[in-house]
């Protein structure tokens, strides 16, 4: 799993929710969705509890890696785009 991957939560109260991977740290990933989990307060979750969809948001990954401010609206649009692709 890498920054910019689109994932789905497999367990917990947020099961079935779509996220963008904002950071990877050992066995944990930090997830954002632009709504309930904004870029300012990412959700920390074990990597084994998320499912990679196989989609990668390249433009979002570039912004997150270069520490540019990716806005929550962009994150919501990205997730919506990939949800419609499924």
N, C-alpha and C. Protein backbone atom coordinates (compact mmCIF):
# COMPACT_ATOMS: atom_id res chain seq x y z
N UNK A 1 0.84 -1.17 0.00
CA UNK A 1 0.00 0.00 0.00
C UNK A 1 0.89 1.24 0.00
N UNK A 2 0.45 2.26 -0.73
CA UNK A 2 1.25 3.48 -0.82
C UNK A 2 0.36 4.72 -0.78
N UNK A 3 0.96 5.85 -0.59
CA UNK A 3 0.24 7.11 -0.54
C UNK A 3 -0.48 7.33 -1.87
N UNK A 4 -1.76 7.68 -1.78
CA UNK A 4 -2.55 7.91 -2.98
C UNK A 4 -3.43 6.74 -3.37
N UNK A 5 -3.24 5.58 -2.74
CA UNK A 5 -4.11 4.43 -3.03
C UNK A 5 -5.52 4.70 -2.52
N UNK A 6 -6.49 4.19 -3.24
CA UNK A 6 -7.89 4.27 -2.83
C UNK A 6 -8.22 2.94 -2.15
N UNK A 7 -8.72 3.01 -0.92
CA UNK A 7 -8.99 1.81 -0.14
C UNK A 7 -10.39 1.84 0.45
N UNK A 8 -10.86 0.66 0.87
CA UNK A 8 -12.15 0.51 1.53
C UNK A 8 -11.91 -0.11 2.90
N UNK A 9 -12.56 0.44 3.92
CA UNK A 9 -12.44 -0.09 5.27
C UNK A 9 -13.17 -1.42 5.37
N UNK A 10 -12.51 -2.42 5.96
CA UNK A 10 -13.09 -3.76 6.08
C UNK A 10 -13.77 -4.02 7.41
N UNK A 11 -13.41 -3.27 8.44
CA UNK A 11 -14.03 -3.52 9.75
C UNK A 11 -14.06 -2.23 10.57
N UNK A 12 -14.83 -2.27 11.63
CA UNK A 12 -15.00 -1.10 12.47
C UNK A 12 -16.29 -0.39 12.13
N UNK A 13 -16.55 0.71 12.82
CA UNK A 13 -17.80 1.44 12.59
C UNK A 13 -17.85 2.10 11.21
N UNK A 14 -16.70 2.20 10.57
CA UNK A 14 -16.63 2.82 9.24
C UNK A 14 -16.55 1.78 8.12
N UNK A 15 -16.94 0.55 8.39
CA UNK A 15 -16.85 -0.53 7.41
C UNK A 15 -17.56 -0.14 6.11
N UNK A 16 -16.88 -0.34 4.99
CA UNK A 16 -17.45 -0.03 3.69
C UNK A 16 -17.16 1.37 3.20
N UNK A 17 -16.57 2.21 4.03
CA UNK A 17 -16.24 3.58 3.62
C UNK A 17 -14.99 3.60 2.76
N UNK A 18 -14.95 4.52 1.81
CA UNK A 18 -13.81 4.69 0.91
C UNK A 18 -12.90 5.79 1.44
N UNK A 19 -11.59 5.59 1.30
CA UNK A 19 -10.59 6.55 1.77
C UNK A 19 -9.44 6.64 0.78
N UNK A 20 -8.66 7.71 0.94
CA UNK A 20 -7.38 7.87 0.24
C UNK A 20 -6.30 7.68 1.30
N UNK A 21 -5.26 6.91 0.98
CA UNK A 21 -4.14 6.72 1.91
C UNK A 21 -3.32 8.00 1.91
N UNK A 22 -3.20 8.60 3.11
CA UNK A 22 -2.48 9.87 3.26
C UNK A 22 -1.05 9.63 3.72
N UNK A 23 -0.84 8.55 4.48
CA UNK A 23 0.49 8.25 5.00
C UNK A 23 0.56 6.76 5.34
N UNK A 24 1.74 6.18 5.21
CA UNK A 24 1.96 4.77 5.58
C UNK A 24 3.07 4.75 6.62
N UNK A 25 2.80 4.09 7.75
CA UNK A 25 3.78 4.03 8.83
C UNK A 25 3.75 2.63 9.43
N UNK A 26 4.76 1.82 9.09
CA UNK A 26 4.84 0.42 9.52
C UNK A 26 3.57 -0.33 9.13
N UNK A 27 2.84 -0.91 10.10
CA UNK A 27 1.63 -1.66 9.76
C UNK A 27 0.38 -0.78 9.77
N UNK A 28 0.56 0.52 9.95
CA UNK A 28 -0.59 1.43 9.98
C UNK A 28 -0.65 2.29 8.72
N UNK A 29 -1.87 2.66 8.37
CA UNK A 29 -2.09 3.63 7.30
C UNK A 29 -2.95 4.76 7.88
N UNK A 30 -2.73 5.95 7.38
CA UNK A 30 -3.53 7.10 7.79
C UNK A 30 -4.43 7.45 6.61
N UNK A 31 -5.73 7.49 6.87
CA UNK A 31 -6.73 7.61 5.82
C UNK A 31 -7.50 8.91 5.92
N UNK A 32 -7.84 9.46 4.76
CA UNK A 32 -8.66 10.67 4.70
C UNK A 32 -9.78 10.47 3.69
N UNK A 33 -10.92 11.10 3.96
CA UNK A 33 -12.02 11.06 3.00
C UNK A 33 -12.55 12.46 2.67
N UNK A 34 -12.00 13.49 3.31
CA UNK A 34 -12.40 14.85 3.01
C UNK A 34 -13.68 15.28 3.68
N UNK A 35 -14.35 14.37 4.37
CA UNK A 35 -15.62 14.71 5.03
C UNK A 35 -15.53 14.36 6.51
N UNK A 36 -15.72 13.11 6.85
CA UNK A 36 -15.64 12.68 8.25
C UNK A 36 -14.20 12.65 8.76
N UNK A 37 -13.29 12.35 7.88
CA UNK A 37 -11.87 12.33 8.22
C UNK A 37 -11.13 13.29 7.28
N UNK A 38 -11.07 14.56 7.65
CA UNK A 38 -10.42 15.56 6.80
C UNK A 38 -8.89 15.41 6.82
N UNK A 39 -8.25 16.10 5.94
CA UNK A 39 -6.79 16.04 5.81
C UNK A 39 -6.10 16.48 7.11
N UNK A 40 -6.77 17.33 7.89
CA UNK A 40 -6.18 17.82 9.14
C UNK A 40 -6.21 16.77 10.25
N UNK A 41 -7.13 15.81 10.19
CA UNK A 41 -7.26 14.77 11.21
C UNK A 41 -7.47 13.41 10.56
N UNK A 42 -6.41 12.82 9.99
CA UNK A 42 -6.58 11.52 9.32
C UNK A 42 -6.89 10.40 10.30
N UNK A 43 -7.49 9.34 9.79
CA UNK A 43 -7.85 8.17 10.59
C UNK A 43 -6.68 7.19 10.56
N UNK A 44 -6.25 6.74 11.73
CA UNK A 44 -5.17 5.75 11.82
C UNK A 44 -5.82 4.37 11.88
N UNK A 45 -5.41 3.49 10.98
CA UNK A 45 -6.00 2.16 10.90
C UNK A 45 -4.92 1.16 10.50
N UNK A 46 -5.02 -0.06 11.01
CA UNK A 46 -4.07 -1.09 10.61
C UNK A 46 -4.29 -1.43 9.14
N UNK A 47 -3.20 -1.63 8.42
CA UNK A 47 -3.28 -1.89 6.99
C UNK A 47 -4.06 -3.17 6.68
N UNK A 48 -4.04 -4.13 7.58
CA UNK A 48 -4.77 -5.38 7.33
C UNK A 48 -6.28 -5.19 7.42
N UNK A 49 -6.73 -4.05 7.92
CA UNK A 49 -8.16 -3.78 8.05
C UNK A 49 -8.73 -2.94 6.90
N UNK A 50 -7.93 -2.75 5.85
CA UNK A 50 -8.42 -2.04 4.67
C UNK A 50 -8.16 -2.88 3.43
N UNK A 51 -8.99 -2.69 2.43
CA UNK A 51 -8.88 -3.41 1.16
C UNK A 51 -8.49 -2.43 0.07
N UNK A 52 -7.38 -2.71 -0.60
CA UNK A 52 -6.96 -1.86 -1.72
C UNK A 52 -7.89 -2.13 -2.90
N UNK A 53 -8.40 -1.07 -3.52
CA UNK A 53 -9.32 -1.22 -4.64
C UNK A 53 -8.59 -1.42 -5.96
N UNK A 54 -7.28 -1.16 -5.96
CA UNK A 54 -6.52 -1.25 -7.20
C UNK A 54 -6.45 0.08 -7.93
N UNK A 55 -7.12 1.08 -7.37
CA UNK A 55 -7.09 2.43 -7.95
C UNK A 55 -6.02 3.26 -7.25
N UNK A 56 -5.39 4.15 -8.02
CA UNK A 56 -4.34 5.01 -7.50
C UNK A 56 -4.59 6.43 -7.98
N UNK A 57 -4.69 7.37 -7.05
CA UNK A 57 -4.92 8.78 -7.39
C UNK A 57 -3.56 9.48 -7.48
N UNK A 58 -3.01 9.49 -8.68
CA UNK A 58 -1.66 10.00 -8.89
C UNK A 58 -1.53 11.48 -8.52
N UNK A 59 -2.46 12.30 -8.95
CA UNK A 59 -2.37 13.74 -8.65
C UNK A 59 -2.49 14.00 -7.15
N UNK A 60 -3.33 13.22 -6.48
CA UNK A 60 -3.48 13.37 -5.03
C UNK A 60 -2.21 12.92 -4.32
N UNK A 61 -1.60 11.85 -4.79
CA UNK A 61 -0.36 11.35 -4.19
C UNK A 61 0.75 12.38 -4.32
N UNK A 62 0.85 13.02 -5.48
CA UNK A 62 1.88 14.04 -5.68
C UNK A 62 1.71 15.18 -4.70
N UNK A 63 0.46 15.62 -4.49
CA UNK A 63 0.21 16.71 -3.54
C UNK A 63 0.54 16.30 -2.11
N UNK A 64 0.17 15.08 -1.74
CA UNK A 64 0.43 14.62 -0.37
C UNK A 64 1.92 14.42 -0.13
N UNK A 65 2.64 13.90 -1.13
CA UNK A 65 4.08 13.67 -0.98
C UNK A 65 4.87 14.97 -0.96
N UNK A 66 4.45 15.96 -1.73
CA UNK A 66 5.17 17.23 -1.79
C UNK A 66 4.73 18.20 -0.70
N UNK A 67 3.85 17.73 0.18
CA UNK A 67 3.35 18.51 1.31
C UNK A 67 2.58 19.75 0.87
N UNK A 68 2.08 19.74 -0.38
CA UNK A 68 1.19 20.81 -0.80
C UNK A 68 -0.13 20.60 -0.08
N UNK A 69 -0.88 21.64 0.05
CA UNK A 69 -2.14 21.50 0.77
C UNK A 69 -3.20 20.95 -0.18
N UNK A 70 -3.47 19.66 -0.02
CA UNK A 70 -4.57 19.04 -0.76
C UNK A 70 -5.84 19.39 0.02
N UNK A 71 -6.82 19.95 -0.65
CA UNK A 71 -8.01 20.36 0.09
C UNK A 71 -9.01 19.21 0.16
N UNK A 72 -9.86 19.28 1.15
CA UNK A 72 -10.83 18.22 1.39
C UNK A 72 -11.79 18.05 0.22
N UNK A 73 -12.13 19.12 -0.46
CA UNK A 73 -13.03 19.03 -1.62
C UNK A 73 -12.39 18.18 -2.72
N UNK A 74 -11.10 18.35 -2.93
CA UNK A 74 -10.39 17.54 -3.94
C UNK A 74 -10.41 16.06 -3.57
N UNK A 75 -10.24 15.78 -2.29
CA UNK A 75 -10.25 14.39 -1.83
C UNK A 75 -11.63 13.78 -2.06
N UNK A 76 -12.69 14.52 -1.72
CA UNK A 76 -14.06 14.03 -1.93
C UNK A 76 -14.32 13.76 -3.40
N UNK A 77 -13.88 14.66 -4.28
CA UNK A 77 -14.07 14.48 -5.72
C UNK A 77 -13.32 13.26 -6.24
N UNK A 78 -12.11 13.06 -5.74
CA UNK A 78 -11.30 11.91 -6.15
C UNK A 78 -11.97 10.61 -5.76
N UNK A 79 -12.45 10.53 -4.52
CA UNK A 79 -13.12 9.31 -4.05
C UNK A 79 -14.39 9.08 -4.85
N UNK A 80 -15.15 10.13 -5.09
CA UNK A 80 -16.39 10.00 -5.86
C UNK A 80 -16.10 9.48 -7.27
N UNK A 81 -15.05 10.00 -7.90
CA UNK A 81 -14.68 9.56 -9.24
C UNK A 81 -14.38 8.07 -9.26
N UNK A 82 -13.59 7.59 -8.31
CA UNK A 82 -13.22 6.17 -8.31
C UNK A 82 -14.36 5.28 -7.88
N UNK A 83 -15.26 5.77 -7.05
CA UNK A 83 -16.45 4.98 -6.68
C UNK A 83 -17.31 4.74 -7.91
N UNK A 84 -17.42 5.75 -8.76
CA UNK A 84 -18.23 5.62 -9.98
C UNK A 84 -17.57 4.70 -10.99
N UNK A 85 -16.23 4.55 -10.93
CA UNK A 85 -15.49 3.66 -11.83
C UNK A 85 -15.76 2.20 -11.51
N UNK A 86 -16.09 1.93 -10.25
CA UNK A 86 -16.28 0.54 -9.80
C UNK A 86 -17.48 -0.04 -10.37
